[in-house]
């Protein structure tokens, strides 16, 4: 298996931490989530999709951005009503999953570009660290 495939598999494993966290909730909480949202996966996908839409609209001054934030806050409130201490723990974790995919996608594209010059992201990062301490 080539290095890029291994990196993709590692990303998929790491980026599902929000779903993993949802699946590890107590059964009574999961049942309430299923009653409210259909399934754990449906809730995860809903929050993930809201983050993706927000990302696409960022900088556009589209009023939908405020609606998305309100939807996320409403989900957090509902999760707290269901019995979670802080619903934002879940939404932030899923947001991090989405963000990690975006970052890794950009690293992949950067690696494609840098490969023309015989280097990659890891080598450039190491060079910057060693040369400029950044």
C-alpha atoms as a PDB file:
ATOM      1  CA  UNK A   1       0.000   0.000   0.000  1.00  0.00           C
ATOM      2  CA  UNK A   2       1.470   3.373  -0.983  1.00  0.00           C
ATOM      3  CA  UNK A   3       2.083   6.179   1.502  1.00  0.00           C
ATOM      4  CA  UNK A   4      -0.847   8.328   0.298  1.00  0.00           C
ATOM      5  CA  UNK A   5      -3.302   5.440   0.785  1.00  0.00           C
ATOM      6  CA  UNK A   6      -2.012   4.863   4.286  1.00  0.00           C
ATOM      7  CA  UNK A   7      -2.414   8.581   5.031  1.00  0.00           C
ATOM      8  CA  UNK A   8      -6.009   8.517   3.724  1.00  0.00           C
ATOM      9  CA  UNK A   9      -6.863   5.525   5.921  1.00  0.00           C
ATOM     10  CA  UNK A  10      -5.316   7.255   8.938  1.00  0.00           C
ATOM     11  CA  UNK A  11      -7.375  10.387   8.233  1.00  0.00           C
ATOM     12  CA  UNK A  12     -10.618   8.437   7.954  1.00  0.00           C
ATOM     13  CA  UNK A  13      -9.882   6.704  11.244  1.00  0.00           C
ATOM     14  CA  UNK A  14      -9.067   9.962  13.033  1.00  0.00           C
ATOM     15  CA  UNK A  15     -11.869  11.997  11.477  1.00  0.00           C
ATOM     16  CA  UNK A  16     -14.665   9.832  12.741  1.00  0.00           C
ATOM     17  CA  UNK A  17     -14.024  10.725  16.371  1.00  0.00           C
ATOM     18  CA  UNK A  18     -17.320  12.636  16.580  1.00  0.00           C
ATOM     19  CA  UNK A  19     -19.259   9.585  15.442  1.00  0.00           C
ATOM     20  CA  UNK A  20     -17.230   7.380  17.748  1.00  0.00           C
ATOM     21  CA  UNK A  21     -18.075   9.688  20.650  1.00  0.00           C
ATOM     22  CA  UNK A  22     -21.777   9.536  19.805  1.00  0.00           C
ATOM     23  CA  UNK A  23     -21.678   5.747  19.606  1.00  0.00           C
ATOM     24  CA  UNK A  24     -20.042   5.538  23.043  1.00  0.00           C
ATOM     25  CA  UNK A  25     -22.823   7.499  24.752  1.00  0.00           C
ATOM     26  CA  UNK A  26     -24.973   5.645  27.287  1.00  0.00           C
ATOM     27  CA  UNK A  27     -27.788   3.610  25.739  1.00  0.00           C
ATOM     28  CA  UNK A  28     -30.545   5.792  27.188  1.00  0.00           C
ATOM     29  CA  UNK A  29     -29.009   8.899  25.580  1.00  0.00           C
ATOM     30  CA  UNK A  30     -28.554   7.094  22.247  1.00  0.00           C
ATOM     31  CA  UNK A  31     -32.205   6.017  22.339  1.00  0.00           C
ATOM     32  CA  UNK A  32     -33.298   9.618  22.899  1.00  0.00           C
ATOM     33  CA  UNK A  33     -31.078  10.760  20.019  1.00  0.00           C
ATOM     34  CA  UNK A  34     -32.570   8.078  17.772  1.00  0.00           C
ATOM     35  CA  UNK A  35     -36.080   9.181  18.754  1.00  0.00           C
ATOM     36  CA  UNK A  36     -35.257  12.802  17.969  1.00  0.00           C
ATOM     37  CA  UNK A  37     -33.021  12.465  14.890  1.00  0.00           C
ATOM     38  CA  UNK A  38     -33.739   9.006  13.443  1.00  0.00           C
ATOM     39  CA  UNK A  39     -30.339   7.507  14.196  1.00  0.00           C
ATOM     40  CA  UNK A  40     -26.921   8.356  15.586  1.00  0.00           C
ATOM     41  CA  UNK A  41     -25.579   8.467  12.027  1.00  0.00           C
ATOM     42  CA  UNK A  42     -28.378  10.834  10.948  1.00  0.00           C
ATOM     43  CA  UNK A  43     -27.470  13.260  13.730  1.00  0.00           C
ATOM     44  CA  UNK A  44     -23.781  13.022  12.845  1.00  0.00           C
ATOM     45  CA  UNK A  45     -24.474  13.611   9.160  1.00  0.00           C
ATOM     46  CA  UNK A  46     -26.792  16.519   9.914  1.00  0.00           C
ATOM     47  CA  UNK A  47     -24.153  18.299  12.000  1.00  0.00           C
ATOM     48  CA  UNK A  48     -21.417  17.426   9.486  1.00  0.00           C
ATOM     49  CA  UNK A  49     -23.542  18.751   6.605  1.00  0.00           C
ATOM     50  CA  UNK A  50     -24.215  21.990   8.492  1.00  0.00           C
ATOM     51  CA  UNK A  51     -20.468  22.446   8.950  1.00  0.00           C
ATOM     52  CA  UNK A  52     -19.847  21.756   5.252  1.00  0.00           C
ATOM     53  CA  UNK A  53     -22.516  24.255   4.227  1.00  0.00           C
ATOM     54  CA  UNK A  54     -21.139  26.853   6.627  1.00  0.00           C
ATOM     55  CA  UNK A  55     -17.657  26.304   5.181  1.00  0.00           C
ATOM     56  CA  UNK A  56     -18.921  26.806   1.613  1.00  0.00           C
ATOM     57  CA  UNK A  57     -20.768  29.988   2.558  1.00  0.00           C
ATOM     58  CA  UNK A  58     -18.065  31.552   4.743  1.00  0.00           C
ATOM     59  CA  UNK A  59     -17.204  35.024   3.489  1.00  0.00           C
ATOM     60  CA  UNK A  60     -20.361  35.313   1.392  1.00  0.00           C
ATOM     61  CA  UNK A  61     -22.441  37.327   3.891  1.00  0.00           C
ATOM     62  CA  UNK A  62     -25.245  34.936   3.074  1.00  0.00           C
ATOM     63  CA  UNK A  63     -28.007  35.111   5.715  1.00  0.00           C
ATOM     64  CA  UNK A  64     -28.043  31.305   5.693  1.00  0.00           C
ATOM     65  CA  UNK A  65     -24.868  31.466   7.822  1.00  0.00           C
ATOM     66  CA  UNK A  66     -26.908  32.775  10.768  1.00  0.00           C
ATOM     67  CA  UNK A  67     -29.529  30.083  10.198  1.00  0.00           C
ATOM     68  CA  UNK A  68     -26.858  27.381  10.235  1.00  0.00           C
ATOM     69  CA  UNK A  69     -25.455  28.675  13.509  1.00  0.00           C
ATOM     70  CA  UNK A  70     -28.964  28.734  14.982  1.00  0.00           C
ATOM     71  CA  UNK A  71     -29.545  25.135  13.845  1.00  0.00           C
ATOM     72  CA  UNK A  72     -26.301  24.039  15.497  1.00  0.00           C
ATOM     73  CA  UNK A  73     -27.223  25.859  18.727  1.00  0.00           C
ATOM     74  CA  UNK A  74     -30.654  24.200  18.652  1.00  0.00           C
ATOM     75  CA  UNK A  75     -29.039  20.773  18.288  1.00  0.00           C
ATOM     76  CA  UNK A  76     -26.745  21.542  21.223  1.00  0.00           C
ATOM     77  CA  UNK A  77     -29.719  22.616  23.329  1.00  0.00           C
ATOM     78  CA  UNK A  78     -31.656  19.475  22.371  1.00  0.00           C
ATOM     79  CA  UNK A  79     -28.676  17.269  23.277  1.00  0.00           C
ATOM     80  CA  UNK A  80     -28.562  18.947  26.684  1.00  0.00           C
ATOM     81  CA  UNK A  81     -32.309  18.385  27.129  1.00  0.00           C
ATOM     82  CA  UNK A  82     -31.723  14.715  26.299  1.00  0.00           C
ATOM     83  CA  UNK A  83     -29.158  14.498  29.105  1.00  0.00           C
ATOM     84  CA  UNK A  84     -25.733  15.554  27.858  1.00  0.00           C
ATOM     85  CA  UNK A  85     -23.914  18.015  30.084  1.00  0.00           C
ATOM     86  CA  UNK A  86     -22.744  20.150  27.155  1.00  0.00           C
ATOM     87  CA  UNK A  87     -24.180  19.602  23.686  1.00  0.00           C
ATOM     88  CA  UNK A  88     -21.426  21.681  22.138  1.00  0.00           C
ATOM     89  CA  UNK A  89     -18.947  18.909  23.033  1.00  0.00           C
ATOM     90  CA  UNK A  90     -20.600  16.807  20.321  1.00  0.00           C
ATOM     91  CA  UNK A  91     -21.040  19.538  17.703  1.00  0.00           C
ATOM     92  CA  UNK A  92     -17.466  20.764  18.167  1.00  0.00           C
ATOM     93  CA  UNK A  93     -16.096  17.228  17.826  1.00  0.00           C
ATOM     94  CA  UNK A  94     -18.002  16.728  14.565  1.00  0.00           C
ATOM     95  CA  UNK A  95     -16.886  20.165  13.364  1.00  0.00           C
ATOM     96  CA  UNK A  96     -13.311  19.063  14.060  1.00  0.00           C
ATOM     97  CA  UNK A  97     -13.923  15.931  11.986  1.00  0.00           C
ATOM     98  CA  UNK A  98     -15.007  18.108   9.061  1.00  0.00           C
ATOM     99  CA  UNK A  99     -12.099  20.522   9.512  1.00  0.00           C
ATOM    100  CA  UNK A 100      -9.575  17.694   9.595  1.00  0.00           C
ATOM    101  CA  UNK A 101     -10.856  16.414   6.265  1.00  0.00           C
ATOM    102  CA  UNK A 102     -10.488  19.899   4.741  1.00  0.00           C
ATOM    103  CA  UNK A 103      -6.948  20.302   6.072  1.00  0.00           C
ATOM    104  CA  UNK A 104      -5.877  16.856   4.909  1.00  0.00           C
ATOM    105  CA  UNK A 105      -7.382  17.501   1.490  1.00  0.00           C
ATOM    106  CA  UNK A 106      -5.316  20.667   1.200  1.00  0.00           C
ATOM    107  CA  UNK A 107      -2.186  18.823   2.312  1.00  0.00           C
ATOM    108  CA  UNK A 108      -2.858  16.211  -0.363  1.00  0.00           C
ATOM    109  CA  UNK A 109      -3.178  18.925  -3.017  1.00  0.00           C
ATOM    110  CA  UNK A 110      -0.040  20.629  -1.711  1.00  0.00           C
ATOM    111  CA  UNK A 111       1.820  17.310  -1.896  1.00  0.00           C
ATOM    112  CA  UNK A 112       0.725  16.911  -5.506  1.00  0.00           C
ATOM    113  CA  UNK A 113       2.093  20.374  -6.276  1.00  0.00           C
ATOM    114  CA  UNK A 114       5.314  19.887  -4.311  1.00  0.00           C
ATOM    115  CA  UNK A 115       5.981  16.501  -5.922  1.00  0.00           C
ATOM    116  CA  UNK A 116       6.799  18.384  -9.144  1.00  0.00           C
ATOM    117  CA  UNK A 117       9.782  19.780  -7.259  1.00  0.00           C
ATOM    118  CA  UNK A 118      10.863  16.546  -5.641  1.00  0.00           C
ATOM    119  CA  UNK A 119       9.544  17.274  -2.143  1.00  0.00           C
ATOM    120  CA  UNK A 120       6.393  16.969  -0.048  1.00  0.00           C
ATOM    121  CA  UNK A 121       4.570  18.596   2.845  1.00  0.00           C
ATOM    122  CA  UNK A 122       6.416  16.635   5.536  1.00  0.00           C
ATOM    123  CA  UNK A 123       9.821  17.537   4.100  1.00  0.00           C
ATOM    124  CA  UNK A 124       8.863  21.212   3.754  1.00  0.00           C
ATOM    125  CA  UNK A 125       7.456  21.286   7.282  1.00  0.00           C
ATOM    126  CA  UNK A 126      10.672  19.764   8.642  1.00  0.00           C
ATOM    127  CA  UNK A 127      12.749  22.286   6.662  1.00  0.00           C
ATOM    128  CA  UNK A 128      10.689  25.218   8.016  1.00  0.00           C
ATOM    129  CA  UNK A 129      11.005  23.857  11.543  1.00  0.00           C
ATOM    130  CA  UNK A 130      14.743  23.345  11.335  1.00  0.00           C
ATOM    131  CA  UNK A 131      15.591  26.498   9.397  1.00  0.00           C
ATOM    132  CA  UNK A 132      13.113  29.012  10.855  1.00  0.00           C
ATOM    133  CA  UNK A 133      11.877  27.315  14.027  1.00  0.00           C
ATOM    134  CA  UNK A 134       8.257  27.490  12.830  1.00  0.00           C
END
